[in-house]
Amino acid sequence: MDYSLLLNAFDAAIILGISVPAVFMASKIPKQPLPLRTFSLLLSSFLVVHGLYHLAEALGTFDSLSIFSSISDVIVEPAGWVLLFAFMVYYARRGG
């Protein structure tokens, strides 16, 4: 058995499990304190995308699903970096 499958599947389960309450709590923040709501939504959306990256990497270890490995490297990983960078820029301008 390939250890990268187990590690990526475990990471995906943990990160997606953490992102569900984070998205729920971010959606419950009132719209009035906009920076807090935006911080929470950006960070929780990064968690969702990063969890999907690990899930796609885990699925990509199977020969019949190797397209997922390419998709995770070409689309999902850059999307996660863009969300994390957006969070950092927003925090640098509004947070601190």
N, C-alpha and C. Protein backbone atom coordinates (compact mmCIF):
# COMPACT_ATOMS: atom_id res chain seq x y z
N MET A 1 0.85 -1.18 0.00
CA MET A 1 0.00 0.00 0.00
C MET A 1 0.90 1.25 0.00
N ASP A 2 0.47 2.22 -0.74
CA ASP A 2 1.21 3.46 -0.87
C ASP A 2 0.89 4.38 0.32
N TYR A 3 1.95 4.86 0.97
CA TYR A 3 1.74 5.72 2.13
C TYR A 3 1.19 7.09 1.76
N SER A 4 1.48 7.56 0.54
CA SER A 4 0.95 8.86 0.15
C SER A 4 -0.57 8.83 0.05
N LEU A 5 -1.15 7.69 -0.33
CA LEU A 5 -2.61 7.56 -0.34
C LEU A 5 -3.16 7.72 1.07
N LEU A 6 -2.57 7.01 2.01
CA LEU A 6 -3.06 7.08 3.39
C LEU A 6 -2.88 8.46 3.99
N LEU A 7 -1.72 9.06 3.77
CA LEU A 7 -1.45 10.38 4.35
C LEU A 7 -2.35 11.44 3.74
N ASN A 8 -2.52 11.43 2.41
CA ASN A 8 -3.38 12.42 1.78
C ASN A 8 -4.84 12.22 2.14
N ALA A 9 -5.28 10.98 2.25
CA ALA A 9 -6.66 10.72 2.65
C ALA A 9 -6.90 11.17 4.09
N PHE A 10 -5.94 10.91 4.97
CA PHE A 10 -6.05 11.36 6.36
C PHE A 10 -6.05 12.89 6.43
N ASP A 11 -5.14 13.54 5.70
CA ASP A 11 -5.11 15.00 5.68
C ASP A 11 -6.41 15.58 5.14
N ALA A 12 -6.94 14.98 4.06
CA ALA A 12 -8.19 15.46 3.49
C ALA A 12 -9.33 15.35 4.50
N ALA A 13 -9.40 14.22 5.20
CA ALA A 13 -10.48 14.03 6.18
C ALA A 13 -10.37 15.04 7.32
N ILE A 14 -9.16 15.26 7.81
CA ILE A 14 -8.98 16.20 8.92
C ILE A 14 -9.28 17.63 8.47
N ILE A 15 -8.71 18.04 7.34
CA ILE A 15 -8.88 19.43 6.90
C ILE A 15 -10.32 19.71 6.50
N LEU A 16 -10.94 18.80 5.77
CA LEU A 16 -12.35 19.02 5.41
C LEU A 16 -13.25 18.95 6.64
N GLY A 17 -12.90 18.10 7.60
CA GLY A 17 -13.68 18.06 8.84
C GLY A 17 -13.58 19.35 9.63
N ILE A 18 -12.43 19.98 9.60
CA ILE A 18 -12.25 21.26 10.29
C ILE A 18 -12.92 22.38 9.51
N SER A 19 -12.94 22.28 8.19
CA SER A 19 -13.48 23.38 7.39
C SER A 19 -15.00 23.48 7.48
N VAL A 20 -15.68 22.38 7.74
CA VAL A 20 -17.14 22.43 7.82
C VAL A 20 -17.61 23.35 8.95
N PRO A 21 -17.14 23.19 10.19
CA PRO A 21 -17.56 24.14 11.22
C PRO A 21 -17.04 25.56 10.97
N ALA A 22 -15.86 25.67 10.33
CA ALA A 22 -15.33 27.00 10.05
C ALA A 22 -16.22 27.75 9.05
N VAL A 23 -16.67 27.06 8.02
CA VAL A 23 -17.58 27.69 7.05
C VAL A 23 -18.90 28.02 7.71
N PHE A 24 -19.40 27.12 8.54
CA PHE A 24 -20.66 27.36 9.23
C PHE A 24 -20.56 28.58 10.15
N MET A 25 -19.49 28.67 10.92
CA MET A 25 -19.34 29.81 11.83
C MET A 25 -19.12 31.10 11.05
N ALA A 26 -18.39 31.04 9.95
CA ALA A 26 -18.18 32.24 9.14
C ALA A 26 -19.48 32.73 8.52
N SER A 27 -20.35 31.82 8.17
CA SER A 27 -21.63 32.23 7.60
C SER A 27 -22.58 32.81 8.65
N LYS A 28 -22.35 32.49 9.91
CA LYS A 28 -23.21 33.00 10.98
C LYS A 28 -22.76 34.35 11.54
N ILE A 29 -21.61 34.84 11.13
CA ILE A 29 -21.14 36.15 11.59
C ILE A 29 -22.01 37.21 10.94
N PRO A 30 -22.51 38.17 11.73
CA PRO A 30 -23.35 39.22 11.14
C PRO A 30 -22.58 40.01 10.08
N LYS A 31 -23.31 40.58 9.14
CA LYS A 31 -22.67 41.28 8.04
C LYS A 31 -22.06 42.61 8.45
N GLN A 32 -22.41 43.11 9.61
CA GLN A 32 -21.92 44.42 10.03
C GLN A 32 -20.41 44.45 10.28
N PRO A 33 -19.82 43.56 11.09
CA PRO A 33 -18.35 43.62 11.20
C PRO A 33 -17.72 42.93 9.98
N LEU A 34 -17.70 43.67 8.86
CA LEU A 34 -17.27 43.10 7.59
C LEU A 34 -15.87 42.52 7.60
N PRO A 35 -14.87 43.15 8.22
CA PRO A 35 -13.54 42.53 8.19
C PRO A 35 -13.50 41.15 8.84
N LEU A 36 -14.20 40.97 9.95
CA LEU A 36 -14.19 39.67 10.63
C LEU A 36 -14.86 38.61 9.76
N ARG A 37 -15.97 38.97 9.15
CA ARG A 37 -16.66 38.02 8.27
C ARG A 37 -15.80 37.66 7.06
N THR A 38 -15.14 38.65 6.48
CA THR A 38 -14.31 38.41 5.31
C THR A 38 -13.09 37.57 5.68
N PHE A 39 -12.45 37.87 6.82
CA PHE A 39 -11.33 37.06 7.29
C PHE A 39 -11.75 35.60 7.41
N SER A 40 -12.87 35.38 8.07
CA SER A 40 -13.35 34.02 8.32
C SER A 40 -13.69 33.30 7.02
N LEU A 41 -14.36 33.99 6.11
CA LEU A 41 -14.73 33.35 4.84
C LEU A 41 -13.51 33.03 3.99
N LEU A 42 -12.54 33.92 3.95
CA LEU A 42 -11.32 33.65 3.17
C LEU A 42 -10.54 32.48 3.76
N LEU A 43 -10.40 32.47 5.07
CA LEU A 43 -9.64 31.39 5.70
C LEU A 43 -10.36 30.04 5.59
N SER A 44 -11.67 30.04 5.80
CA SER A 44 -12.40 28.78 5.70
C SER A 44 -12.48 28.29 4.26
N SER A 45 -12.57 29.19 3.29
CA SER A 45 -12.56 28.74 1.90
C SER A 45 -11.18 28.18 1.52
N PHE A 46 -10.12 28.74 2.08
CA PHE A 46 -8.80 28.15 1.86
C PHE A 46 -8.75 26.74 2.43
N LEU A 47 -9.33 26.54 3.61
CA LEU A 47 -9.33 25.20 4.20
C LEU A 47 -10.08 24.20 3.31
N VAL A 48 -11.21 24.62 2.76
CA VAL A 48 -11.97 23.73 1.88
C VAL A 48 -11.16 23.35 0.65
N VAL A 49 -10.54 24.36 0.01
CA VAL A 49 -9.77 24.09 -1.20
C VAL A 49 -8.54 23.22 -0.87
N HIS A 50 -7.91 23.48 0.24
CA HIS A 50 -6.74 22.68 0.62
C HIS A 50 -7.13 21.24 0.94
N GLY A 51 -8.28 21.05 1.56
CA GLY A 51 -8.77 19.70 1.79
C GLY A 51 -9.10 18.99 0.48
N LEU A 52 -9.67 19.71 -0.47
CA LEU A 52 -9.95 19.12 -1.78
C LEU A 52 -8.66 18.78 -2.51
N TYR A 53 -7.62 19.57 -2.30
CA TYR A 53 -6.32 19.27 -2.90
C TYR A 53 -5.82 17.91 -2.39
N HIS A 54 -5.88 17.69 -1.10
CA HIS A 54 -5.41 16.42 -0.54
C HIS A 54 -6.29 15.25 -0.99
N LEU A 55 -7.58 15.49 -1.11
CA LEU A 55 -8.47 14.44 -1.59
C LEU A 55 -8.14 14.08 -3.04
N ALA A 56 -7.91 15.08 -3.87
CA ALA A 56 -7.56 14.82 -5.27
C ALA A 56 -6.20 14.11 -5.37
N GLU A 57 -5.26 14.49 -4.52
CA GLU A 57 -3.96 13.81 -4.52
C GLU A 57 -4.11 12.35 -4.09
N ALA A 58 -4.97 12.10 -3.11
CA ALA A 58 -5.20 10.72 -2.68
C ALA A 58 -5.84 9.90 -3.79
N LEU A 59 -6.81 10.47 -4.47
CA LEU A 59 -7.45 9.75 -5.57
C LEU A 59 -6.50 9.56 -6.74
N GLY A 60 -5.58 10.50 -6.92
CA GLY A 60 -4.63 10.43 -8.02
C GLY A 60 -3.61 9.33 -7.89
N THR A 61 -3.51 8.69 -6.74
CA THR A 61 -2.56 7.59 -6.59
C THR A 61 -3.03 6.32 -7.29
N PHE A 62 -4.34 6.22 -7.57
CA PHE A 62 -4.85 5.08 -8.32
C PHE A 62 -4.60 5.30 -9.80
N ASP A 63 -4.21 4.26 -10.49
CA ASP A 63 -3.88 4.38 -11.91
C ASP A 63 -5.06 4.84 -12.75
N SER A 64 -6.25 4.35 -12.45
CA SER A 64 -7.43 4.71 -13.24
C SER A 64 -7.90 6.14 -12.95
N LEU A 65 -7.47 6.71 -11.85
CA LEU A 65 -7.88 8.08 -11.48
C LEU A 65 -6.70 9.04 -11.47
N SER A 66 -5.69 8.76 -12.27
CA SER A 66 -4.48 9.60 -12.25
C SER A 66 -4.72 11.01 -12.73
N ILE A 67 -5.84 11.26 -13.41
CA ILE A 67 -6.16 12.62 -13.86
C ILE A 67 -6.35 13.55 -12.66
N PHE A 68 -6.80 13.00 -11.53
CA PHE A 68 -6.99 13.82 -10.34
C PHE A 68 -5.68 14.40 -9.83
N SER A 69 -4.60 13.67 -10.01
CA SER A 69 -3.30 14.18 -9.59
C SER A 69 -2.91 15.41 -10.40
N SER A 70 -3.17 15.36 -11.70
CA SER A 70 -2.88 16.51 -12.56
C SER A 70 -3.79 17.68 -12.23
N ILE A 71 -5.06 17.40 -12.01
CA ILE A 71 -6.01 18.46 -11.67
C ILE A 71 -5.62 19.12 -10.36
N SER A 72 -5.20 18.33 -9.40
CA SER A 72 -4.84 18.91 -8.10
C SER A 72 -3.61 19.79 -8.22
N ASP A 73 -2.66 19.40 -9.05
CA ASP A 73 -1.45 20.20 -9.19
C ASP A 73 -1.65 21.44 -10.05
N VAL A 74 -2.50 21.36 -11.06
CA VAL A 74 -2.65 22.46 -12.02
C VAL A 74 -3.74 23.45 -11.60
N ILE A 75 -4.82 22.97 -10.98
CA ILE A 75 -5.96 23.84 -10.69
C ILE A 75 -6.14 24.08 -9.19
N VAL A 76 -6.23 23.02 -8.42
CA VAL A 76 -6.64 23.14 -7.02
C VAL A 76 -5.54 23.78 -6.17
N GLU A 77 -4.30 23.36 -6.34
CA GLU A 77 -3.22 23.93 -5.53
C GLU A 77 -3.04 25.43 -5.79
N PRO A 78 -3.00 25.90 -7.06
CA PRO A 78 -2.91 27.35 -7.28
C PRO A 78 -4.11 28.12 -6.73
N ALA A 79 -5.30 27.51 -6.79
CA ALA A 79 -6.48 28.17 -6.23
C ALA A 79 -6.33 28.35 -4.72
N GLY A 80 -5.78 27.35 -4.05
CA GLY A 80 -5.52 27.48 -2.62
C GLY A 80 -4.51 28.56 -2.31
N TRP A 81 -3.45 28.62 -3.11
CA TRP A 81 -2.45 29.68 -2.90
C TRP A 81 -3.05 31.06 -3.12
N VAL A 82 -3.93 31.19 -4.12
CA VAL A 82 -4.57 32.49 -4.39
C VAL A 82 -5.45 32.89 -3.20
N LEU A 83 -6.20 31.95 -2.66
CA LEU A 83 -7.04 32.26 -1.50
C LEU A 83 -6.21 32.63 -0.28
N LEU A 84 -5.12 31.91 -0.06
CA LEU A 84 -4.25 32.24 1.08
C LEU A 84 -3.60 33.59 0.89
N PHE A 85 -3.18 33.90 -0.33
CA PHE A 85 -2.58 35.21 -0.61
C PHE A 85 -3.61 36.32 -0.44
N ALA A 86 -4.85 36.08 -0.89
CA ALA A 86 -5.91 37.08 -0.70
C ALA A 86 -6.17 37.32 0.79
N PHE A 87 -6.15 36.25 1.56
CA PHE A 87 -6.32 36.40 3.01
C PHE A 87 -5.19 37.24 3.60
N MET A 88 -3.95 36.97 3.18
CA MET A 88 -2.81 37.72 3.71
C MET A 88 -2.88 39.19 3.33
N VAL A 89 -3.24 39.48 2.10
CA VAL A 89 -3.34 40.87 1.65
C VAL A 89 -4.47 41.58 2.39
N TYR A 90 -5.61 40.93 2.51
CA TYR A 90 -6.73 41.54 3.22
C TYR A 90 -6.38 41.78 4.69
N TYR A 91 -5.71 40.83 5.29
CA TYR A 91 -5.30 41.00 6.69
C TYR A 91 -4.28 42.13 6.84
N ALA A 92 -3.34 42.23 5.89
CA ALA A 92 -2.33 43.30 5.97
C ALA A 92 -2.97 44.68 5.83
N ARG A 93 -4.03 44.79 5.07
CA ARG A 93 -4.68 46.11 4.88
C ARG A 93 -5.70 46.42 5.95
N ARG A 94 -6.41 45.41 6.43
CA ARG A 94 -7.52 45.68 7.35
C ARG A 94 -7.31 45.19 8.77
N GLY A 95 -6.44 44.21 8.95
CA GLY A 95 -6.39 43.55 10.23
C GLY A 95 -5.48 44.17 11.27
N GLY A 96 -4.46 44.76 10.82
CA GLY A 96 -3.52 45.01 11.78
C GLY A 96 -3.01 46.19 12.34
